[in-house]
Protein backbone atom coordinates (compact mmCIF):
# COMPACT_ATOMS: atom_id res chain seq x y z
CA UNK A 1 229.85 110.98 53.04
CA UNK A 2 232.90 111.91 55.14
CA UNK A 3 234.38 115.38 54.50
CA UNK A 4 238.16 115.72 54.84
CA UNK A 5 239.83 117.53 57.76
CA UNK A 6 239.42 121.27 58.38
CA UNK A 7 241.08 123.54 55.87
CA UNK A 8 244.06 125.80 56.51
CA UNK A 9 243.86 129.59 56.63
CA UNK A 10 246.40 132.36 56.20
CA UNK A 11 246.46 136.15 55.91
CA UNK A 12 246.73 137.70 52.46
CA UNK A 13 250.32 138.36 51.32
CA UNK A 14 251.34 139.42 47.81
CA UNK A 15 254.14 136.87 47.39
CA UNK A 16 255.80 134.04 49.32
CA UNK A 17 258.22 136.29 51.24
CA UNK A 18 260.64 135.34 53.95
CA UNK A 19 259.34 134.53 57.41
CA UNK A 20 260.61 137.84 58.78
CA UNK A 21 258.71 139.90 56.26
CA UNK A 22 255.62 137.81 56.85
CA UNK A 23 255.81 138.56 60.59
CA UNK A 24 256.23 142.27 59.89
CA UNK A 25 253.18 142.15 57.69
CA UNK A 26 251.22 140.43 60.46
CA UNK A 27 252.17 143.06 63.03
CA UNK A 28 251.23 145.91 60.72
CA UNK A 29 247.95 144.27 59.76
CA UNK A 30 247.05 143.77 63.40
CA UNK A 31 247.92 147.38 64.22
CA UNK A 32 245.71 148.74 61.43
CA UNK A 33 242.82 146.30 61.80
CA UNK A 34 239.56 147.47 63.38
CA UNK A 35 238.13 145.87 66.45
CA UNK A 36 234.90 144.05 65.59
CA UNK A 37 231.71 143.51 67.60
CA UNK A 38 228.94 141.42 66.06
CA UNK A 39 225.70 141.77 68.02
CA UNK A 40 222.58 139.75 67.28
CA UNK A 41 219.15 139.76 68.88
CA UNK A 42 217.02 136.64 69.13
CA UNK A 43 213.63 137.03 67.34
CA UNK A 44 213.60 140.84 67.20
CA UNK A 45 211.32 141.86 64.34
CA UNK A 46 212.17 144.45 61.70
CA UNK A 47 209.63 146.83 63.24
CA UNK A 48 210.74 146.36 66.85
CA UNK A 49 213.13 149.30 66.98
CA UNK A 50 212.16 152.82 67.93
CA UNK A 51 213.64 154.47 64.86
CA UNK A 52 211.03 153.02 62.47
CA UNK A 53 208.04 153.98 64.64
CA UNK A 54 206.44 150.64 63.77
CA UNK A 55 205.91 149.39 67.32
CA UNK A 56 205.95 150.55 70.94
CA UNK A 57 209.54 149.39 71.42
CA UNK A 58 211.71 151.82 73.37
CA UNK A 59 215.24 151.47 72.01
CA UNK A 60 217.07 154.78 72.59
CA UNK A 61 220.53 153.27 72.08
CA UNK A 62 219.69 151.63 68.76
CA UNK A 63 217.88 154.81 67.71
CA UNK A 64 221.04 156.82 68.39
CA UNK A 65 223.15 154.34 66.42
CA UNK A 66 220.76 154.44 63.48
CA UNK A 67 220.81 158.24 63.49
CA UNK A 68 224.59 158.49 63.42
CA UNK A 69 225.79 155.44 61.49
CA UNK A 70 224.92 153.24 58.50
CA UNK A 71 221.34 151.99 58.72
CA UNK A 72 220.21 149.09 56.53
CA UNK A 73 216.56 149.22 55.52
CA UNK A 74 216.68 145.95 53.56
CA UNK A 75 218.87 143.65 55.59
CA UNK A 76 218.01 139.94 55.60
CA UNK A 77 218.61 136.99 57.85
CA UNK A 78 219.83 134.05 55.76
CA UNK A 79 217.09 131.89 57.29
CA UNK A 80 213.76 132.45 59.04
CA UNK A 81 214.99 130.70 62.22
CA UNK A 82 217.91 131.11 64.58
CA UNK A 83 220.59 128.39 64.28
CA UNK A 84 220.88 128.56 60.47
CA UNK A 85 221.18 132.35 60.46
CA UNK A 86 223.89 132.24 63.12
CA UNK A 87 225.80 129.68 61.05
CA UNK A 88 225.58 132.01 58.05
CA UNK A 89 227.23 134.80 60.05
CA UNK A 90 230.19 132.62 60.94
CA UNK A 91 230.74 131.15 57.45
CA UNK A 92 229.43 133.52 54.77
CA UNK A 93 227.49 130.56 53.35
CA UNK A 94 223.84 129.63 53.27
CA UNK A 95 223.35 127.29 56.25
CA UNK A 96 221.75 124.53 54.18
CA UNK A 97 225.14 124.03 52.54
CA UNK A 98 226.51 122.59 55.79
CA UNK A 99 223.31 120.77 56.80
CA UNK A 100 222.23 123.36 59.37
CA UNK A 101 218.68 123.17 58.06
CA UNK A 102 216.69 124.26 61.12
CA UNK A 103 216.80 125.45 64.71
CA UNK A 104 218.94 123.28 66.96
CA UNK A 105 221.07 121.97 64.06
CA UNK A 106 224.82 122.43 64.28
CA UNK A 107 227.77 123.62 62.26
CA UNK A 108 229.99 121.25 60.36
CA UNK A 109 233.52 121.37 61.79
CA UNK A 110 234.87 121.40 58.22
CA UNK A 111 233.45 124.91 57.73
CA UNK A 112 235.86 127.80 58.27
CA UNK A 113 234.48 130.38 60.71
CA UNK A 114 235.13 134.09 60.89
CA UNK A 115 236.79 133.51 64.27
CA UNK A 116 239.26 131.03 62.78
CA UNK A 117 240.03 133.34 59.89
CA UNK A 118 240.60 136.47 61.98
CA UNK A 119 242.82 134.67 64.47
CA UNK A 120 245.38 134.34 61.67
CA UNK A 121 245.47 138.15 61.49
CA UNK A 122 246.30 138.48 65.17
CA UNK A 123 242.78 138.86 66.51
CA UNK A 124 241.63 137.70 69.92
CA UNK A 125 238.24 136.04 69.52
CA UNK A 126 235.38 135.67 71.98
CA UNK A 127 231.80 134.42 71.89
CA UNK A 128 229.22 135.62 74.41
CA UNK A 129 225.59 134.59 74.78
CA UNK A 130 223.45 132.29 72.68
CA UNK A 131 225.38 129.69 70.67
CA UNK A 132 222.76 127.24 69.31
CA UNK A 133 225.15 125.74 66.77
CA UNK A 134 226.06 122.67 68.78
CA UNK A 135 226.94 121.79 72.35
CA UNK A 136 228.72 124.17 74.74
CA UNK A 137 230.55 121.20 76.25
CA UNK A 138 234.25 121.67 75.61
CA UNK A 139 234.39 118.10 74.22
CA UNK A 140 232.07 118.96 71.32
CA UNK A 141 233.54 119.27 67.83
CA UNK A 142 231.35 122.32 67.24
CA UNK A 143 231.51 124.12 70.58
CA UNK A 144 232.52 127.80 70.45
CA UNK A 145 236.04 126.76 71.45
CA UNK A 146 236.23 124.19 68.65
CA UNK A 147 234.94 126.83 66.22
CA UNK A 148 237.73 129.35 66.64
CA UNK A 149 236.87 131.28 69.81
CA UNK A 150 239.70 131.77 72.29
CA UNK A 151 237.26 132.48 75.08
CA UNK A 152 233.54 131.90 75.39
CA UNK A 153 230.72 132.56 77.81
CA UNK A 154 227.89 130.81 76.08
CA UNK A 155 224.48 129.20 76.40
CA UNK A 156 223.23 126.31 74.26
CA UNK A 157 220.11 128.33 73.36
CA UNK A 158 218.05 131.28 74.63
CA UNK A 159 218.03 132.37 78.29
CA UNK A 160 216.46 135.03 80.54
CA UNK A 161 217.11 136.15 84.14
CA UNK A 162 220.02 134.76 86.22
CA UNK A 163 221.12 132.34 83.50
CA UNK A 164 223.47 129.42 83.79
CA UNK A 165 226.30 129.87 81.27
CA UNK A 166 229.20 127.79 80.00
CA UNK A 167 232.47 129.63 80.56
CA UNK A 168 234.99 127.87 78.35
CA UNK A 169 233.12 124.65 79.10
CA UNK A 170 232.63 125.12 82.84
CA UNK A 171 229.13 125.94 84.10
CA UNK A 172 228.74 129.16 86.07
CA UNK A 173 225.68 130.60 87.78
CA UNK A 174 225.12 134.27 86.99
CA UNK A 175 222.94 136.93 88.56
CA UNK A 176 221.10 139.59 86.64
CA UNK A 177 219.20 140.35 83.46
CA UNK A 178 220.36 137.99 80.70
CA UNK A 179 221.38 140.59 78.12
CA UNK A 180 223.26 142.63 80.73
CA UNK A 181 225.06 139.50 81.95
CA UNK A 182 226.13 138.80 78.37
CA UNK A 183 227.32 142.36 77.77
CA UNK A 184 229.28 142.37 81.03
CA UNK A 185 231.15 139.21 80.02
CA UNK A 186 231.95 140.69 76.62
CA UNK A 187 233.16 143.92 78.25
CA UNK A 188 235.61 141.98 80.43
CA UNK A 189 237.05 140.42 77.27
CA UNK A 190 237.21 143.79 75.48
CA UNK A 191 239.01 145.39 78.41
CA UNK A 192 241.63 142.66 78.37
CA UNK A 193 242.21 143.10 74.64
CA UNK A 194 242.40 146.89 74.92
CA UNK A 195 244.98 146.60 77.69
CA UNK A 196 247.15 144.42 75.44
CA UNK A 197 246.36 146.62 72.40
CA UNK A 198 245.23 143.51 70.55
CA UNK A 199 242.46 143.71 67.94
CA UNK A 200 239.46 141.63 68.86
CA UNK A 201 236.37 139.93 67.47
CA UNK A 202 233.56 139.85 70.03
CA UNK A 203 230.49 137.91 68.89
CA UNK A 204 227.69 138.94 71.25
CA UNK A 205 224.51 136.98 70.63
CA UNK A 206 221.73 137.90 73.05
CA UNK A 207 219.01 135.43 74.06
CA UNK A 208 216.25 138.05 73.93
CA UNK A 209 213.46 138.67 73.08
CA UNK A 210 212.91 134.95 72.47
CA UNK A 211 210.08 133.47 74.49
CA UNK A 212 209.40 132.75 77.32
CA UNK A 213 209.66 136.45 78.11
CA UNK A 214 210.79 137.50 81.60
CA UNK A 215 211.72 141.16 81.94
CA UNK A 216 212.84 143.11 84.98
CA UNK A 217 210.14 145.08 86.78
CA UNK A 218 211.74 148.43 85.85
CA UNK A 219 211.64 147.46 82.17
CA UNK A 220 208.08 146.17 82.30
CA UNK A 221 206.93 149.46 83.83
CA UNK A 222 207.84 151.31 80.65
CA UNK A 223 204.95 149.42 79.04
CA UNK A 224 202.61 149.37 82.04
CA UNK A 225 199.54 150.13 79.93
CA UNK A 226 200.01 146.89 77.95
CA UNK A 227 199.08 143.25 78.77
CA UNK A 228 201.68 141.44 80.88
CA UNK A 229 202.95 139.34 77.95
CA UNK A 230 203.60 142.51 75.96
CA UNK A 231 205.26 144.17 78.95
CA UNK A 232 207.70 141.28 79.26
CA UNK A 233 208.44 141.11 75.54
CA UNK A 234 209.19 144.80 75.10
CA UNK A 235 210.86 144.95 78.50
CA UNK A 236 213.37 142.40 77.20
CA UNK A 237 213.97 144.51 74.09
CA UNK A 238 214.60 147.59 76.20
CA UNK A 239 217.06 145.64 78.40
CA UNK A 240 218.79 144.37 75.26
CA UNK A 241 219.02 147.95 74.01
CA UNK A 242 220.52 149.04 77.33
CA UNK A 243 223.08 146.23 77.06
CA UNK A 244 224.13 147.45 73.63
CA UNK A 245 224.60 150.80 75.34
CA UNK A 246 226.88 149.19 77.91
CA UNK A 247 229.13 147.97 75.12
CA UNK A 248 229.18 151.31 73.33
CA UNK A 249 229.91 153.24 76.51
CA UNK A 250 232.82 150.98 77.36
CA UNK A 251 234.31 151.44 73.91
CA UNK A 252 234.22 155.18 74.46
CA UNK A 253 235.67 154.91 77.95
CA UNK A 254 238.54 152.84 76.57
CA UNK A 255 238.95 155.33 73.70
CA UNK A 256 238.65 152.61 71.05
CA UNK A 257 235.17 153.40 69.71
CA UNK A 258 236.44 155.12 66.55
CA UNK A 259 238.39 152.05 65.51
CA UNK A 260 235.69 149.52 66.32
CA UNK A 261 233.26 148.19 63.73
CA UNK A 262 230.01 147.51 65.62
CA UNK A 263 227.45 145.49 63.63
CA UNK A 264 223.97 144.96 65.06
CA UNK A 265 221.17 142.80 63.64
CA UNK A 266 218.62 140.07 64.46
CA UNK A 267 218.47 136.40 63.51
CA UNK A 268 214.93 136.39 62.05
CA UNK A 269 211.55 138.07 62.31
CA UNK A 270 209.29 138.11 65.38
CA UNK A 271 207.85 134.87 66.67
CA UNK A 272 204.65 133.75 64.98
CA UNK A 273 202.08 132.95 63.98
CA UNK A 274 200.40 136.34 64.15
CA UNK A 275 196.97 134.77 64.65
CA UNK A 276 198.01 133.85 68.19
CA UNK A 277 198.45 137.54 68.99
CA UNK A 278 202.08 137.15 69.93
CA UNK A 279 203.89 140.40 70.72
CA UNK A 280 206.45 141.63 68.23
CA UNK A 281 206.30 143.72 65.08
CA UNK A 282 207.36 142.99 61.53
CA UNK A 283 206.72 146.65 60.78
CA UNK A 284 203.86 145.93 58.40
CA UNK A 285 205.81 143.36 56.41
CA UNK A 286 204.07 140.12 55.53
CA UNK A 287 204.15 137.23 58.03
CA UNK A 288 206.70 136.42 60.74
CA UNK A 289 209.39 133.97 61.86
CA UNK A 290 209.53 130.57 60.11
CA UNK A 291 208.41 131.98 56.76
CA UNK A 292 210.29 133.39 53.78
CA UNK A 293 207.99 136.37 53.40
CA UNK A 294 209.59 139.68 54.34
CA UNK A 295 208.35 139.61 57.92
CA UNK A 296 210.21 136.36 58.52
CA UNK A 297 213.61 137.33 57.14
CA UNK A 298 213.95 141.14 56.91
CA UNK A 299 215.59 142.32 60.15
CA UNK A 300 216.93 145.53 61.70
CA UNK A 301 220.62 146.18 61.04
CA UNK A 302 223.12 148.96 61.77
CA UNK A 303 226.87 149.37 61.36
CA UNK A 304 228.66 151.90 63.53
CA UNK A 305 232.31 152.59 62.72
CA UNK A 306 233.18 156.24 63.38
CA UNK A 307 236.61 156.08 61.72
CA UNK A 308 235.06 155.04 58.39
CA UNK A 309 231.40 156.09 58.64
CA UNK A 310 231.60 159.70 59.76
CA UNK A 311 228.17 160.80 58.53
CA UNK A 312 224.79 159.08 58.98
CA UNK A 313 223.53 157.15 55.96
CA UNK A 314 220.78 154.73 55.08
CA UNK A 315 220.80 152.11 52.36
CA UNK A 316 218.07 150.15 50.61
CA UNK A 317 220.51 147.85 48.84
CA UNK A 318 219.55 144.28 49.84
CA UNK A 319 222.16 142.82 52.18
CA UNK A 320 222.32 139.61 54.18
CA UNK A 321 223.89 137.92 57.18
CA UNK A 322 225.96 135.84 54.73
CA UNK A 323 227.70 139.10 53.79
CA UNK A 324 229.24 139.58 57.24
CA UNK A 325 232.01 137.00 56.74
CA UNK A 326 233.33 138.21 53.34
CA UNK A 327 232.99 141.84 54.41
CA UNK A 328 235.16 141.39 57.48
CA UNK A 329 237.76 139.33 55.62
CA UNK A 330 237.92 142.03 52.95
CA UNK A 331 238.32 144.82 55.50
CA UNK A 332 241.01 143.04 57.52
CA UNK A 333 242.77 141.54 54.48
CA UNK A 334 242.52 137.83 55.17
CA UNK A 335 242.38 135.07 52.58
CA UNK A 336 241.37 131.50 53.33
CA UNK A 337 243.38 128.94 51.41
CA UNK A 338 240.99 126.34 50.03
CA UNK A 339 237.95 128.30 51.18
CA UNK A 340 234.83 126.10 50.94
CA UNK A 341 233.02 127.28 47.84
CA UNK A 342 230.77 128.82 46.96
CA UNK A 343 230.31 131.71 49.34
CA UNK A 344 226.79 133.10 49.18
CA UNK A 345 227.78 136.44 50.68
CA UNK A 346 229.47 139.43 49.07
CA UNK A 347 231.79 141.99 50.59
CA UNK A 348 229.98 145.13 51.68
CA UNK A 349 233.23 147.06 52.06
CA UNK A 350 232.37 149.15 48.97
CA UNK A 351 228.99 149.93 50.53
CA UNK A 352 230.64 151.11 53.73
CA UNK A 353 232.82 153.36 51.58
CA UNK A 354 229.76 154.75 49.79
CA UNK A 355 230.70 153.19 46.45
CA UNK A 356 228.20 150.33 46.04
CA UNK A 357 225.18 151.18 43.92
CA UNK A 358 223.55 147.74 43.77
CA UNK A 359 224.10 144.21 44.99
CA UNK A 360 226.36 142.33 42.57
CA UNK A 361 224.39 139.07 42.70
CA UNK A 362 220.97 137.77 43.84
CA UNK A 363 220.20 136.22 47.23
CA UNK A 364 218.73 132.76 47.70
CA UNK A 365 216.59 131.48 50.59
CA UNK A 366 215.46 127.92 51.23
CA UNK A 367 213.67 126.57 54.30
CA UNK A 368 210.81 124.59 55.84
CA UNK A 369 211.81 121.10 54.66
CA UNK A 370 213.39 119.67 57.82
CA UNK A 371 212.63 119.45 61.52
CA UNK A 372 214.19 121.44 64.30
CA UNK A 373 215.82 119.92 67.35
CA UNK A 374 214.90 121.01 70.87
CA UNK A 375 217.75 122.49 72.92
CA UNK A 376 216.82 123.38 76.51
CA UNK A 377 219.66 125.49 77.84
CA UNK A 378 218.97 125.49 81.55
CA UNK A 379 218.30 121.75 81.77
CA UNK A 380 221.40 120.87 79.76
CA UNK A 381 223.63 123.14 81.81
CA UNK A 382 222.21 121.77 85.05
CA UNK A 383 223.25 118.28 83.94
CA UNK A 384 226.72 119.52 83.08
CA UNK A 385 227.06 121.38 86.40
CA UNK A 386 226.11 118.27 88.35
CA UNK A 387 228.53 116.08 86.44
CA UNK A 388 231.35 118.61 86.83
CA UNK A 389 230.68 118.83 90.56
CA UNK A 390 231.12 115.05 90.64
CA UNK A 391 234.44 115.33 88.78
CA UNK A 392 232.97 114.26 85.45
CA UNK A 393 232.01 116.02 82.22
CA UNK A 394 228.94 114.28 80.91
CA UNK A 395 226.77 116.93 79.31
CA UNK A 396 224.98 115.30 76.36
CA UNK A 397 226.64 116.48 73.17
CA UNK A 398 223.32 116.28 71.32
CA UNK A 399 225.15 113.72 69.15
CA UNK A 400 226.59 116.54 67.07
CA UNK A 401 228.50 114.40 64.57
CA UNK A 402 225.91 111.63 64.24
CA UNK A 403 222.97 114.01 63.90
CA UNK A 404 224.79 116.19 61.42
CA UNK A 405 225.63 113.39 59.05
CA UNK A 406 222.33 111.55 59.41
CA UNK A 407 220.45 114.77 58.61
CA UNK A 408 222.60 115.39 55.56
CA UNK A 409 222.31 111.84 54.24
CA UNK A 410 218.58 111.72 54.96
CA UNK A 411 217.97 115.03 53.22
CA UNK A 412 219.96 113.98 50.17
CA UNK A 413 217.73 110.93 49.92
CA UNK A 414 214.65 113.15 50.11
CA UNK A 415 216.02 115.40 47.37
CA UNK A 416 216.72 112.38 45.20
CA UNK A 417 213.19 111.01 45.68
CA UNK A 418 211.09 114.17 45.84
CA UNK A 419 213.13 116.93 44.23
CA UNK A 420 213.40 120.44 45.63
CA UNK A 421 211.19 120.17 48.71
CA UNK A 422 210.30 123.01 51.08
CA UNK A 423 209.84 126.70 50.36
CA UNK A 424 212.36 128.92 48.58
CA UNK A 425 212.81 132.51 47.48
CA UNK A 426 215.12 134.47 45.18
CA UNK A 427 215.75 138.21 45.59
CA UNK A 428 217.24 140.05 42.63
CA UNK A 429 217.24 143.79 43.20
CA UNK A 430 213.70 144.95 43.91
CA UNK A 431 212.09 141.72 42.71
CA UNK A 432 211.43 138.69 44.87
CA UNK A 433 210.32 135.31 43.57
CA UNK A 434 208.70 132.80 45.91
CA UNK A 435 208.75 129.11 45.07
CA UNK A 436 205.83 127.58 46.99
CA UNK A 437 205.61 123.80 47.21
CA UNK A 438 202.69 121.95 48.78
CA UNK A 439 204.05 119.22 51.01
CA UNK A 440 201.14 116.81 50.42
CA UNK A 441 200.75 117.07 46.66
CA UNK A 442 204.18 118.30 45.58
CA UNK A 443 202.52 121.00 43.48
CA UNK A 444 204.77 124.01 42.89
CA UNK A 445 203.53 127.56 42.32
CA UNK A 446 205.38 130.85 41.96
CA UNK A 447 204.72 134.33 43.30
CA UNK A 448 206.52 137.49 42.22
CA UNK A 449 206.62 140.78 44.12
CA UNK A 450 208.14 144.19 43.46
CA UNK A 451 209.49 145.04 46.91
CA UNK A 452 210.11 148.66 45.94
CA UNK A 453 206.42 149.38 45.40
CA UNK A 454 205.00 146.49 47.43
CA UNK A 455 207.17 145.73 50.49
CA UNK A 456 204.16 144.04 52.16
CA UNK A 457 204.04 141.45 49.33
CA UNK A 458 200.34 142.00 48.82
CA UNK A 459 200.22 142.05 45.01
CA UNK A 460 201.46 138.94 43.20
CA UNK A 461 202.56 140.11 39.74
CA UNK A 462 203.85 136.75 38.44
CA UNK A 463 201.14 136.64 35.78
CA UNK A 464 202.13 140.08 34.50
CA UNK A 465 205.85 139.34 34.11
CA UNK A 466 206.26 135.77 32.81
CA UNK A 467 209.72 136.38 31.33
CA UNK A 468 211.08 137.72 34.60
CA UNK A 469 209.52 134.80 36.47
CA UNK A 470 211.13 132.31 34.11
CA UNK A 471 214.57 133.93 34.38
CA UNK A 472 214.40 134.07 38.17
CA UNK A 473 213.17 130.45 38.35
CA UNK A 474 216.27 129.34 36.48
CA UNK A 475 218.54 131.31 38.79
CA UNK A 476 216.86 129.97 41.91
CA UNK A 477 216.94 126.34 40.77
CA UNK A 478 220.59 126.55 39.76
CA UNK A 479 221.40 127.91 43.21
CA UNK A 480 219.39 125.16 44.92
CA UNK A 481 221.25 122.51 42.91
CA UNK A 482 224.55 123.99 44.08
CA UNK A 483 223.32 123.84 47.69
CA UNK A 484 222.56 120.13 47.27
CA UNK A 485 226.12 119.56 46.07
CA UNK A 486 227.34 121.33 49.20
CA UNK A 487 225.16 119.16 51.45
CA UNK A 488 226.81 116.17 49.79
CA UNK A 489 230.20 117.41 50.98
CA UNK A 490 231.48 118.40 47.53
CA UNK A 491 232.75 121.82 48.72
CA UNK A 492 235.50 120.47 50.96
């Protein structure tokens, strides 16, 4: 199974005009295009924002954004763990389609990323913070640089205080709180773009509040009445919130805030299991990270874009990280020739304009059938720093290509032998169907919940609505079969 080379991309134009007219179009598109910041927390639960009053989290910046912008009350991560969700942001596709089944799995270089697409519309592109979609060695075929980012200041995985980072492939030692270090690097990039009056895409993926938790003393003191583990967890969230504030303040100082689309969310629910008394709040939703119940995949989300969202709004329309890619392409006006199909996301541009009444198609989720791969950021970057100091460049690439293809081939064999393994879910409006498969026996059962009346998924109504269950089962299975075709490389 060897997919062909990466596909070509071009901006949308009505006809094949002369080169001069094409260039004029490009200049006008760049002038009218919004700047874009995509922020993502690492393991921040749906309840761990101040504006829901579901936890002790102190997040004044996010609270202010939610009160003045578009707040999503039913926004979903495409997966219940980090790497797959991050891949969904970049591609608009469910991560299983490109064999990013679990944490530590990588992109496929044949996928077209949002960075690659927006570069064709004149955007400068930068990645800052947690990558976790492959190596941050510049030699990797799925490093940030190989995935469309002009500049990058990235870590292979999560990080805390004084982190080592890979700056365009070269290891640098930083000083400070991890989220603030990340925001500062992104601000430097934003300042450069503003000076040149060039639209930009800044993907800012924080490494907090992923464990182990190590907050600054001033942030821990805000939660001094709590156990130390809780102080560190919520201290990291408060520092993350402050870092978001750094970005917003700089946009205002540069007088580009009105024309900047700022999208904030998290990659999955809070770390679990709950029985271990881990800090973090799902806001009363069922379960946590690593599961497809609401607590594992429903996450906080806000879009701030003063030029287009002038009044505060909230929406309960189900939306997803896979929607980010098609939404941005729609807004900017970019078309990808030979786009890998299908996209799982939909454009939310009508929602931003106040014209979307419901989601045009259901959302599929599928997880828990493969193993993750450990990625220890500090240790990996130490190896790279030592090799670079010796005039070499020997950071292990985590065997990106070999692991990617062996995972895909191995999983296809499992599907052929055992069928649709793992756990899956299908959300259609207010209804959510769970497909539960026991790993040992292969027995499959179904649960149905009305999320409008039962967001905690406490009352399984599958027995009361057999026709709805049957219809949703068919939709879910058809979607899963299409995902298998994608794993097999049939989309390229």
